[in-house]
Amino acid sequence: MSWRRFMMVTSCRPDRQLVRRAASPSNERPQEYPPMFALSIPQDVPPVVVAPPWDLTVGLIDATVQLDQPSGPETRTVGTGFLIQAPRPDGSSRVVLVTAAHVLEQMGQPEARIGWRTALPEGGWRFDPEPLVIRDALGEGLWTRHPDRDVAVMEIAAPAAFARAAIPLGWLADETAFEAWQVGPGDELLSLGFPRGLSANRAGFPILRVGRIASWPLSPVSAFPTFLLDFTVFPGNSGGPVFWTPGARKRPGIVEPATPFIAGLLSQEVRVNDEPLDIGVVTHAVFVREAIARLDLPVP
């Protein structure tokens, strides 16, 4: 079996927007409350607004961005990245871009593009990519690479909306998470990315997909630093987050984790004799944690 990293060199394609049909209005009469109920509410007290529970799926969609760089007159190299809020040792705020190391290593020019998105006043969104300097004047990468794994991190200056959307560091699974939360083969995990450079819509949001864990054992991560996910992978998915939320199915009889979590980063696909097996390779999130910690090491 051969393992080959997947990056993308593809022609830019326009994406298609999804159109949803509004639901038909209901013919049922609205519920009528007795007068006493209405009179029991003081007129000068505003209604209580209960905030909906935070959804990691939507949160990660907001925090996931496309990374690309031209590789020819009509082609570009594309990967996926996501943002983590990782405070500095002094407690000050810091936004860190996370991706697969080979995504940035395959981009030889000093500048890449990062796919920001801007909310419009009328409720729409606009794709707003901006340059991202990834190499210095000597061509050296400005990112920090994990010494052993296909993980790269880079402190960046993000627009205010994206800085707020960055996922807190604590949502990354640590080395004990899979065992503590009884994560096992057959459990579903979700993944975000830009397969073949496509986005969910013209605003540049990532595409959400699902797969099942296809390998065992999953721990200890020192012995099993990666695991397999049974779903079709495409060039452009490299660097995307892989995560669990209550919407994903688990094996019967297994207690669900108390909170959602980021399980890892999509880094490779499995191929045999150059034939894709529709299996992705996920690097455990603990190595993302370790790479981020290296940002605070003294500069030699």
C-alpha atoms as a PDB file:
ATOM      1  CA  MET A   1       0.000   0.000   0.000  1.00  0.00           C
ATOM      2  CA  SER A   2       1.305   3.455  -0.755  1.00  0.00           C
ATOM      3  CA  TRP A   3       0.344   6.605   1.063  1.00  0.00           C
ATOM      4  CA  ARG A   4       0.291   9.778  -0.968  1.00  0.00           C
ATOM      5  CA  ARG A   5      -0.412  13.233   0.199  1.00  0.00           C
ATOM      6  CA  PHE A   6      -3.132  14.939  -1.696  1.00  0.00           C
ATOM      7  CA  MET A   7      -2.892  18.479  -2.887  1.00  0.00           C
ATOM      8  CA  MET A   8      -4.677  20.031  -5.778  1.00  0.00           C
ATOM      9  CA  VAL A   9      -3.659  21.652  -9.016  1.00  0.00           C
ATOM     10  CA  THR A  10      -6.872  22.296 -10.864  1.00  0.00           C
ATOM     11  CA  SER A  11      -8.638  24.777 -13.070  1.00  0.00           C
ATOM     12  CA  CYS A  12     -10.829  27.274 -11.282  1.00  0.00           C
ATOM     13  CA  ARG A  13     -14.499  26.383 -11.618  1.00  0.00           C
ATOM     14  CA  PRO A  14     -17.575  28.393 -10.775  1.00  0.00           C
ATOM     15  CA  ASP A  15     -19.610  26.841  -8.007  1.00  0.00           C
ATOM     16  CA  ARG A  16     -23.345  26.392  -7.957  1.00  0.00           C
ATOM     17  CA  GLN A  17     -25.653  27.872  -5.412  1.00  0.00           C
ATOM     18  CA  LEU A  18     -28.317  25.812  -3.709  1.00  0.00           C
ATOM     19  CA  VAL A  19     -31.899  27.069  -3.906  1.00  0.00           C
ATOM     20  CA  ARG A  20     -34.285  26.106  -1.124  1.00  0.00           C
ATOM     21  CA  ARG A  21     -38.046  26.162  -1.544  1.00  0.00           C
ATOM     22  CA  ALA A  22     -39.941  27.815   1.260  1.00  0.00           C
ATOM     23  CA  ALA A  23     -42.204  25.547   3.282  1.00  0.00           C
ATOM     24  CA  SER A  24     -45.942  25.807   2.631  1.00  0.00           C
ATOM     25  CA  PRO A  25     -47.821  27.870   5.212  1.00  0.00           C
ATOM     26  CA  SER A  26     -49.720  25.877   7.785  1.00  0.00           C
ATOM     27  CA  ASN A  27     -53.527  25.929   7.892  1.00  0.00           C
ATOM     28  CA  GLU A  28     -53.622  25.195  11.629  1.00  0.00           C
ATOM     29  CA  ARG A  29     -54.929  27.933  13.910  1.00  0.00           C
ATOM     30  CA  PRO A  30     -52.372  29.383  16.333  1.00  0.00           C
ATOM     31  CA  GLN A  31     -52.688  28.317  19.952  1.00  0.00           C
ATOM     32  CA  GLU A  32     -54.856  30.704  22.019  1.00  0.00           C
ATOM     33  CA  TYR A  33     -53.910  31.299  25.668  1.00  0.00           C
ATOM     34  CA  PRO A  34     -56.544  32.206  28.287  1.00  0.00           C
ATOM     35  CA  PRO A  35     -56.791  35.884  29.288  1.00  0.00           C
ATOM     36  CA  MET A  36     -55.383  35.210  32.779  1.00  0.00           C
ATOM     37  CA  PHE A  37     -52.128  33.997  31.236  1.00  0.00           C
ATOM     38  CA  ALA A  38     -51.775  37.150  29.175  1.00  0.00           C
ATOM     39  CA  LEU A  39     -52.608  39.424  32.132  1.00  0.00           C
ATOM     40  CA  SER A  40     -50.016  37.717  34.337  1.00  0.00           C
ATOM     41  CA  ILE A  41     -47.133  39.143  32.267  1.00  0.00           C
ATOM     42  CA  PRO A  42     -46.213  42.734  33.237  1.00  0.00           C
ATOM     43  CA  GLN A  43     -46.368  44.979  30.209  1.00  0.00           C
ATOM     44  CA  ASP A  44     -43.095  46.764  31.021  1.00  0.00           C
ATOM     45  CA  VAL A  45     -40.969  43.607  31.285  1.00  0.00           C
ATOM     46  CA  PRO A  46     -39.263  42.566  28.034  1.00  0.00           C
ATOM     47  CA  PRO A  47     -39.525  38.904  27.016  1.00  0.00           C
ATOM     48  CA  VAL A  48     -36.727  36.616  28.107  1.00  0.00           C
ATOM     49  CA  VAL A  49     -34.444  35.657  25.235  1.00  0.00           C
ATOM     50  CA  VAL A  50     -32.663  32.327  25.645  1.00  0.00           C
ATOM     51  CA  ALA A  51     -29.461  32.014  23.626  1.00  0.00           C
ATOM     52  CA  PRO A  52     -29.313  28.853  21.503  1.00  0.00           C
ATOM     53  CA  PRO A  53     -26.589  26.334  22.395  1.00  0.00           C
ATOM     54  CA  TRP A  54     -23.313  26.901  20.551  1.00  0.00           C
ATOM     55  CA  ASP A  55     -22.940  24.592  17.545  1.00  0.00           C
ATOM     56  CA  LEU A  56     -19.394  23.452  16.732  1.00  0.00           C
ATOM     57  CA  THR A  57     -20.471  22.603  13.175  1.00  0.00           C
ATOM     58  CA  VAL A  58     -21.516  26.163  12.364  1.00  0.00           C
ATOM     59  CA  GLY A  59     -18.633  27.495  14.437  1.00  0.00           C
ATOM     60  CA  LEU A  60     -16.068  25.529  12.441  1.00  0.00           C
ATOM     61  CA  ILE A  61     -17.730  26.449   9.144  1.00  0.00           C
ATOM     62  CA  ASP A  62     -17.212  30.087  10.103  1.00  0.00           C
ATOM     63  CA  ALA A  63     -13.599  29.394  11.107  1.00  0.00           C
ATOM     64  CA  THR A  64     -12.586  27.360   8.022  1.00  0.00           C
ATOM     65  CA  VAL A  65     -10.953  29.109   5.064  1.00  0.00           C
ATOM     66  CA  GLN A  66      -9.651  28.282   1.620  1.00  0.00           C
ATOM     67  CA  LEU A  67      -5.927  28.675   0.937  1.00  0.00           C
ATOM     68  CA  ASP A  68      -4.724  28.939  -2.641  1.00  0.00           C
ATOM     69  CA  GLN A  69      -1.926  30.132  -4.880  1.00  0.00           C
ATOM     70  CA  PRO A  70      -1.735  30.359  -8.696  1.00  0.00           C
ATOM     71  CA  SER A  71       0.289  27.528 -10.206  1.00  0.00           C
ATOM     72  CA  GLY A  72      -0.217  28.376 -13.890  1.00  0.00           C
ATOM     73  CA  PRO A  73      -2.179  30.661 -16.220  1.00  0.00           C
ATOM     74  CA  GLU A  74      -5.475  28.902 -15.445  1.00  0.00           C
ATOM     75  CA  THR A  75      -4.644  26.652 -12.492  1.00  0.00           C
ATOM     76  CA  ARG A  76      -4.120  27.041  -8.782  1.00  0.00           C
ATOM     77  CA  THR A  77      -2.927  25.012  -5.828  1.00  0.00           C
ATOM     78  CA  VAL A  78      -5.656  24.740  -3.187  1.00  0.00           C
ATOM     79  CA  GLY A  79      -5.809  23.579   0.403  1.00  0.00           C
ATOM     80  CA  THR A  80      -7.946  24.077   3.511  1.00  0.00           C
ATOM     81  CA  GLY A  81      -7.152  25.785   6.797  1.00  0.00           C
ATOM     82  CA  PHE A  82      -8.986  26.609  10.006  1.00  0.00           C
ATOM     83  CA  LEU A  83      -8.544  29.185  12.756  1.00  0.00           C
ATOM     84  CA  ILE A  84      -7.790  28.502  16.423  1.00  0.00           C
ATOM     85  CA  GLN A  85      -7.842  31.072  19.220  1.00  0.00           C
ATOM     86  CA  ALA A  86      -4.638  30.254  21.124  1.00  0.00           C
ATOM     87  CA  PRO A  87      -3.693  32.940  23.671  1.00  0.00           C
ATOM     88  CA  ARG A  88      -0.039  33.802  24.167  1.00  0.00           C
ATOM     89  CA  PRO A  89       1.677  32.912  27.467  1.00  0.00           C
ATOM     90  CA  ASP A  90       0.920  36.436  28.738  1.00  0.00           C
ATOM     91  CA  GLY A  91      -2.795  35.899  28.077  1.00  0.00           C
ATOM     92  CA  SER A  92      -3.076  38.196  25.080  1.00  0.00           C
ATOM     93  CA  SER A  93      -5.261  37.117  22.187  1.00  0.00           C
ATOM     94  CA  ARG A  94      -3.773  35.312  19.205  1.00  0.00           C
ATOM     95  CA  VAL A  95      -5.334  33.791  16.074  1.00  0.00           C
ATOM     96  CA  VAL A  96      -3.510  30.786  14.624  1.00  0.00           C
ATOM     97  CA  LEU A  97      -4.046  29.366  11.143  1.00  0.00           C
ATOM     98  CA  VAL A  98      -3.875  25.552  11.100  1.00  0.00           C
ATOM     99  CA  THR A  99      -3.395  23.435   7.975  1.00  0.00           C
ATOM    100  CA  ALA A 100      -1.487  20.438   6.670  1.00  0.00           C
ATOM    101  CA  ALA A 101       2.211  21.265   6.357  1.00  0.00           C
ATOM    102  CA  HIS A 102       2.395  20.070   2.774  1.00  0.00           C
ATOM    103  CA  VAL A 103      -0.276  22.608   1.761  1.00  0.00           C
ATOM    104  CA  LEU A 104       2.085  25.488   2.483  1.00  0.00           C
ATOM    105  CA  GLU A 105       5.209  23.623   1.408  1.00  0.00           C
ATOM    106  CA  GLN A 106       3.734  23.135  -2.069  1.00  0.00           C
ATOM    107  CA  MET A 107       3.149  26.898  -2.409  1.00  0.00           C
ATOM    108  CA  GLY A 108       6.488  28.226  -3.578  1.00  0.00           C
ATOM    109  CA  GLN A 109       5.633  31.912  -3.978  1.00  0.00           C
ATOM    110  CA  PRO A 110       5.913  34.425  -1.122  1.00  0.00           C
ATOM    111  CA  GLU A 111       2.179  35.165  -1.083  1.00  0.00           C
ATOM    112  CA  ALA A 112      -0.827  32.872  -0.966  1.00  0.00           C
ATOM    113  CA  ARG A 113      -4.487  33.881  -0.777  1.00  0.00           C
ATOM    114  CA  ILE A 114      -6.708  33.322   2.225  1.00  0.00           C
ATOM    115  CA  GLY A 115     -10.448  33.188   1.574  1.00  0.00           C
ATOM    116  CA  TRP A 116     -12.068  35.635   3.946  1.00  0.00           C
ATOM    117  CA  ARG A 117     -15.818  36.194   3.727  1.00  0.00           C
ATOM    118  CA  THR A 118     -17.690  39.440   4.420  1.00  0.00           C
ATOM    119  CA  ALA A 119     -21.262  39.699   5.700  1.00  0.00           C
ATOM    120  CA  LEU A 120     -23.306  42.225   3.718  1.00  0.00           C
ATOM    121  CA  PRO A 121     -25.917  44.593   5.213  1.00  0.00           C
ATOM    122  CA  GLU A 122     -28.796  42.985   3.309  1.00  0.00           C
ATOM    123  CA  GLY A 123     -27.994  39.561   4.763  1.00  0.00           C
ATOM    124  CA  GLY A 124     -25.816  38.137   1.977  1.00  0.00           C
ATOM    125  CA  TRP A 125     -22.140  37.268   1.940  1.00  0.00           C
ATOM    126  CA  ARG A 126     -19.225  38.169  -0.309  1.00  0.00           C
ATOM    127  CA  PHE A 127     -16.061  36.150  -0.950  1.00  0.00           C
ATOM    128  CA  ASP A 128     -13.207  38.492   0.007  1.00  0.00           C
ATOM    129  CA  PRO A 129      -9.834  36.753  -0.465  1.00  0.00           C
ATOM    130  CA  GLU A 130      -6.740  38.668   0.581  1.00  0.00           C
ATOM    131  CA  PRO A 131      -2.988  38.089   0.218  1.00  0.00           C
ATOM    132  CA  LEU A 132      -1.288  36.116   2.969  1.00  0.00           C
ATOM    133  CA  VAL A 133       2.487  36.330   3.194  1.00  0.00           C
ATOM    134  CA  ILE A 134       3.788  32.808   3.834  1.00  0.00           C
ATOM    135  CA  ARG A 135       7.511  33.164   2.970  1.00  0.00           C
ATOM    136  CA  ASP A 136      10.161  35.725   3.778  1.00  0.00           C
ATOM    137  CA  ALA A 137      12.470  37.512   1.332  1.00  0.00           C
ATOM    138  CA  LEU A 138      14.784  34.479   1.267  1.00  0.00           C
ATOM    139  CA  GLY A 139      11.940  32.106   0.472  1.00  0.00           C
ATOM    140  CA  GLU A 140      11.855  30.542   3.938  1.00  0.00           C
ATOM    141  CA  GLY A 141       8.445  29.560   5.263  1.00  0.00           C
ATOM    142  CA  LEU A 142       6.940  31.760   7.960  1.00  0.00           C
ATOM    143  CA  TRP A 143       4.894  28.924   9.413  1.00  0.00           C
ATOM    144  CA  THR A 144       5.851  26.532  12.221  1.00  0.00           C
ATOM    145  CA  ARG A 145       5.858  22.855  11.328  1.00  0.00           C
ATOM    146  CA  HIS A 146       5.373  19.967  13.710  1.00  0.00           C
ATOM    147  CA  PRO A 147       8.720  18.115  13.765  1.00  0.00           C
ATOM    148  CA  ASP A 148       7.163  14.715  12.989  1.00  0.00           C
ATOM    149  CA  ARG A 149       3.646  15.237  11.631  1.00  0.00           C
ATOM    150  CA  ASP A 150       2.008  16.861   8.610  1.00  0.00           C
ATOM    151  CA  VAL A 151       0.810  19.858  10.622  1.00  0.00           C
ATOM    152  CA  ALA A 152       1.669  23.540  10.153  1.00  0.00           C
ATOM    153  CA  VAL A 153       0.544  26.525  12.214  1.00  0.00           C
ATOM    154  CA  MET A 154       0.998  30.239  11.670  1.00  0.00           C
ATOM    155  CA  GLU A 155       0.009  33.294  13.668  1.00  0.00           C
ATOM    156  CA  ILE A 156      -1.993  35.638  11.458  1.00  0.00           C
ATOM    157  CA  ALA A 157      -3.820  38.957  11.627  1.00  0.00           C
ATOM    158  CA  ALA A 158      -7.446  38.045  10.918  1.00  0.00           C
ATOM    159  CA  PRO A 159     -10.385  40.378  10.275  1.00  0.00           C
ATOM    160  CA  ALA A 160     -12.398  41.046  13.425  1.00  0.00           C
ATOM    161  CA  ALA A 161     -15.229  38.703  12.421  1.00  0.00           C
ATOM    162  CA  PHE A 162     -12.816  35.843  11.833  1.00  0.00           C
ATOM    163  CA  ALA A 163     -10.890  36.557  15.022  1.00  0.00           C
ATOM    164  CA  ARG A 164     -14.186  36.143  16.879  1.00  0.00           C
ATOM    165  CA  ALA A 165     -14.951  32.964  14.918  1.00  0.00           C
ATOM    166  CA  ALA A 166     -11.622  31.289  15.765  1.00  0.00           C
ATOM    167  CA  ILE A 167     -12.249  28.092  17.755  1.00  0.00           C
ATOM    168  CA  PRO A 168     -10.872  28.059  21.332  1.00  0.00           C
ATOM    169  CA  LEU A 169      -7.803  25.870  21.799  1.00  0.00           C
ATOM    170  CA  GLY A 170      -9.630  23.779  24.382  1.00  0.00           C
ATOM    171  CA  TRP A 171     -11.907  22.261  21.714  1.00  0.00           C
ATOM    172  CA  LEU A 172      -8.939  20.353  20.256  1.00  0.00           C
ATOM    173  CA  ALA A 173      -8.918  16.772  21.530  1.00  0.00           C
ATOM    174  CA  ASP A 174      -5.924  15.847  23.657  1.00  0.00           C
ATOM    175  CA  GLU A 175      -4.104  12.504  23.893  1.00  0.00           C
ATOM    176  CA  THR A 176      -6.683  11.034  26.304  1.00  0.00           C
ATOM    177  CA  ALA A 177      -9.868  12.167  24.551  1.00  0.00           C
ATOM    178  CA  PHE A 178     -10.573   9.183  22.313  1.00  0.00           C
ATOM    179  CA  GLU A 179     -10.248   6.677  25.138  1.00  0.00           C
ATOM    180  CA  ALA A 180     -12.133   8.816  27.651  1.00  0.00           C
ATOM    181  CA  TRP A 181     -14.984   9.424  25.202  1.00  0.00           C
ATOM    182  CA  GLN A 182     -15.028   5.818  23.900  1.00  0.00           C
ATOM    183  CA  VAL A 183     -14.421   6.866  20.297  1.00  0.00           C
ATOM    184  CA  GLY A 184     -14.115   3.765  18.142  1.00  0.00           C
ATOM    185  CA  PRO A 185     -14.390   2.253  14.668  1.00  0.00           C
ATOM    186  CA  GLY A 186     -17.728   2.894  12.985  1.00  0.00           C
ATOM    187  CA  ASP A 187     -18.295   6.213  14.748  1.00  0.00           C
ATOM    188  CA  GLU A 188     -19.080   9.111  12.448  1.00  0.00           C
ATOM    189  CA  LEU A 189     -16.943  12.206  12.174  1.00  0.00           C
ATOM    190  CA  LEU A 190     -17.548  15.349  10.113  1.00  0.00           C
ATOM    191  CA  SER A 191     -15.035  17.118   7.895  1.00  0.00           C
ATOM    192  CA  LEU A 192     -14.847  20.534   6.237  1.00  0.00           C
ATOM    193  CA  GLY A 193     -12.913  21.472   3.125  1.00  0.00           C
ATOM    194  CA  PHE A 194     -12.811  22.618  -0.463  1.00  0.00           C
ATOM    195  CA  PRO A 195     -12.766  19.450  -2.615  1.00  0.00           C
ATOM    196  CA  ARG A 196     -11.231  20.219  -5.995  1.00  0.00           C
ATOM    197  CA  GLY A 197     -11.315  23.883  -5.040  1.00  0.00           C
ATOM    198  CA  LEU A 198     -15.102  24.030  -4.870  1.00  0.00           C
ATOM    199  CA  SER A 199     -16.974  25.837  -2.120  1.00  0.00           C
ATOM    200  CA  ALA A 200     -20.530  25.473  -0.880  1.00  0.00           C
ATOM    201  CA  ASN A 201     -21.543  28.742  -2.564  1.00  0.00           C
ATOM    202  CA  ARG A 202     -20.163  31.914  -4.120  1.00  0.00           C
ATOM    203  CA  ALA A 203     -19.440  33.327  -0.681  1.00  0.00           C
ATOM    204  CA  GLY A 204     -16.652  30.775  -0.256  1.00  0.00           C
ATOM    205  CA  PHE A 205     -18.007  28.702   2.631  1.00  0.00           C
ATOM    206  CA  PRO A 206     -16.513  25.197   2.995  1.00  0.00           C
ATOM    207  CA  ILE A 207     -18.325  21.979   2.128  1.00  0.00           C
ATOM    208  CA  LEU A 208     -19.373  19.727   5.015  1.00  0.00           C
ATOM    209  CA  ARG A 209     -18.999  15.962   4.610  1.00  0.00           C
ATOM    210  CA  VAL A 210     -19.203  12.891   6.838  1.00  0.00           C
ATOM    211  CA  GLY A 211     -17.321   9.602   7.184  1.00  0.00           C
ATOM    212  CA  ARG A 212     -16.825   6.713   9.586  1.00  0.00           C
ATOM    213  CA  ILE A 213     -13.717   5.832  11.536  1.00  0.00           C
ATOM    214  CA  ALA A 214     -12.179   2.907   9.665  1.00  0.00           C
ATOM    215  CA  SER A 215      -9.178   1.853  11.750  1.00  0.00           C
ATOM    216  CA  TRP A 216      -8.307   0.423  15.147  1.00  0.00           C
ATOM    217  CA  PRO A 217      -6.627   0.921  17.604  1.00  0.00           C
ATOM    218  CA  LEU A 218      -6.945   4.693  17.931  1.00  0.00           C
ATOM    219  CA  SER A 219      -4.753   5.124  20.994  1.00  0.00           C
ATOM    220  CA  PRO A 220      -2.259   5.694  22.416  1.00  0.00           C
ATOM    221  CA  VAL A 221      -1.593   8.482  19.937  1.00  0.00           C
ATOM    222  CA  SER A 222       2.149   8.047  20.428  1.00  0.00           C
ATOM    223  CA  ALA A 223       1.795   4.627  18.779  1.00  0.00           C
ATOM    224  CA  PHE A 224      -1.081   5.512  16.429  1.00  0.00           C
ATOM    225  CA  PRO A 225      -0.602   9.176  15.433  1.00  0.00           C
ATOM    226  CA  THR A 226      -3.107   8.917  12.577  1.00  0.00           C
ATOM    227  CA  PHE A 227      -6.344   7.066  11.912  1.00  0.00           C
ATOM    228  CA  LEU A 228      -8.445   6.273   8.853  1.00  0.00           C
ATOM    229  CA  LEU A 229     -11.749   7.808   7.862  1.00  0.00           C
ATOM    230  CA  ASP A 230     -13.974   6.021   5.359  1.00  0.00           C
ATOM    231  CA  PHE A 231     -15.124   8.723   2.956  1.00  0.00           C
ATOM    232  CA  THR A 232     -14.226   9.958  -0.495  1.00  0.00           C
ATOM    233  CA  VAL A 233     -11.374  12.448  -0.350  1.00  0.00           C
ATOM    234  CA  PHE A 234     -10.434  14.911  -3.048  1.00  0.00           C
ATOM    235  CA  PRO A 235      -7.529  17.234  -3.772  1.00  0.00           C
ATOM    236  CA  GLY A 236      -8.172  20.486  -1.925  1.00  0.00           C
ATOM    237  CA  ASN A 237      -9.358  18.805   1.295  1.00  0.00           C
ATOM    238  CA  SER A 238      -5.852  18.786   2.803  1.00  0.00           C
ATOM    239  CA  GLY A 239      -5.672  20.623   6.101  1.00  0.00           C
ATOM    240  CA  GLY A 240      -9.398  20.610   6.854  1.00  0.00           C
ATOM    241  CA  PRO A 241     -10.716  19.958  10.385  1.00  0.00           C
ATOM    242  CA  VAL A 242     -12.236  16.593  11.316  1.00  0.00           C
ATOM    243  CA  PHE A 243     -14.622  16.786  14.267  1.00  0.00           C
ATOM    244  CA  TRP A 244     -17.460  15.229  16.263  1.00  0.00           C
ATOM    245  CA  THR A 245     -20.778  16.783  17.273  1.00  0.00           C
ATOM    246  CA  PRO A 246     -23.954  15.233  18.732  1.00  0.00           C
ATOM    247  CA  GLY A 247     -25.370  15.168  15.188  1.00  0.00           C
ATOM    248  CA  ALA A 248     -22.881  12.444  14.228  1.00  0.00           C
ATOM    249  CA  ARG A 249     -23.853   8.843  14.901  1.00  0.00           C
ATOM    250  CA  LYS A 250     -21.970   6.629  17.359  1.00  0.00           C
ATOM    251  CA  ARG A 251     -22.079   2.888  17.951  1.00  0.00           C
ATOM    252  CA  PRO A 252     -25.128   1.640  19.919  1.00  0.00           C
ATOM    253  CA  GLY A 253     -24.671   1.475  23.670  1.00  0.00           C
ATOM    254  CA  ILE A 254     -21.802   3.960  23.789  1.00  0.00           C
ATOM    255  CA  VAL A 255     -22.164   7.057  25.918  1.00  0.00           C
ATOM    256  CA  GLU A 256     -21.797  10.228  23.884  1.00  0.00           C
ATOM    257  CA  PRO A 257     -19.104  12.744  24.792  1.00  0.00           C
ATOM    258  CA  ALA A 258     -20.267  15.637  26.942  1.00  0.00           C
ATOM    259  CA  THR A 259     -19.137  18.225  24.378  1.00  0.00           C
ATOM    260  CA  PRO A 260     -18.228  18.405  20.678  1.00  0.00           C
ATOM    261  CA  PHE A 261     -14.528  18.278  19.853  1.00  0.00           C
ATOM    262  CA  ILE A 262     -12.037  18.582  16.996  1.00  0.00           C
ATOM    263  CA  ALA A 263     -10.594  15.111  16.462  1.00  0.00           C
ATOM    264  CA  GLY A 264      -7.844  15.992  14.005  1.00  0.00           C
ATOM    265  CA  LEU A 265      -6.747  17.316  10.659  1.00  0.00           C
ATOM    266  CA  LEU A 266      -7.205  15.672   7.253  1.00  0.00           C
ATOM    267  CA  SER A 267      -3.754  15.161   5.748  1.00  0.00           C
ATOM    268  CA  GLN A 268      -3.616  12.252   3.290  1.00  0.00           C
ATOM    269  CA  GLU A 269      -5.525   9.780   1.176  1.00  0.00           C
ATOM    270  CA  VAL A 270      -4.857   6.071   0.815  1.00  0.00           C
ATOM    271  CA  ARG A 271      -3.922   4.722  -2.617  1.00  0.00           C
ATOM    272  CA  VAL A 272      -2.929   1.247  -3.822  1.00  0.00           C
ATOM    273  CA  ASN A 273      -1.035   1.096  -7.120  1.00  0.00           C
ATOM    274  CA  ASP A 274      -2.143   4.692  -7.736  1.00  0.00           C
ATOM    275  CA  GLU A 275      -5.796   3.730  -7.258  1.00  0.00           C
ATOM    276  CA  PRO A 276      -7.660   5.840  -4.668  1.00  0.00           C
ATOM    277  CA  LEU A 277      -9.481   3.797  -2.020  1.00  0.00           C
ATOM    278  CA  ASP A 278     -11.771   6.636  -0.855  1.00  0.00           C
ATOM    279  CA  ILE A 279     -10.126   6.564   2.574  1.00  0.00           C
ATOM    280  CA  GLY A 280      -8.694   9.612   4.282  1.00  0.00           C
ATOM    281  CA  VAL A 281      -5.850   9.766   6.783  1.00  0.00           C
ATOM    282  CA  VAL A 282      -6.468  11.993   9.808  1.00  0.00           C
ATOM    283  CA  THR A 283      -3.700  13.296  12.059  1.00  0.00           C
ATOM    284  CA  HIS A 284      -4.742  13.419  15.723  1.00  0.00           C
ATOM    285  CA  ALA A 285      -5.544  16.891  17.097  1.00  0.00           C
ATOM    286  CA  VAL A 286      -2.975  16.519  19.881  1.00  0.00           C
ATOM    287  CA  PHE A 287      -0.289  17.194  17.264  1.00  0.00           C
ATOM    288  CA  VAL A 288      -2.029  20.447  16.361  1.00  0.00           C
ATOM    289  CA  ARG A 289      -1.779  21.347  20.041  1.00  0.00           C
ATOM    290  CA  GLU A 290       1.915  20.483  20.030  1.00  0.00           C
ATOM    291  CA  ALA A 291       2.568  22.548  16.903  1.00  0.00           C
ATOM    292  CA  ILE A 292       0.806  25.575  18.416  1.00  0.00           C
ATOM    293  CA  ALA A 293       2.897  25.198  21.588  1.00  0.00           C
ATOM    294  CA  ARG A 294       6.031  25.500  19.439  1.00  0.00           C
ATOM    295  CA  LEU A 295       5.009  29.059  18.531  1.00  0.00           C
ATOM    296  CA  ASP A 296       6.047  30.061  22.044  1.00  0.00           C
ATOM    297  CA  LEU A 297       9.471  28.440  21.994  1.00  0.00           C
ATOM    298  CA  PRO A 298      12.474  30.837  22.078  1.00  0.00           C
ATOM    299  CA  VAL A 299      13.736  31.771  18.634  1.00  0.00           C
ATOM    300  CA  PRO A 300      17.235  30.255  18.172  1.00  0.00           C
END
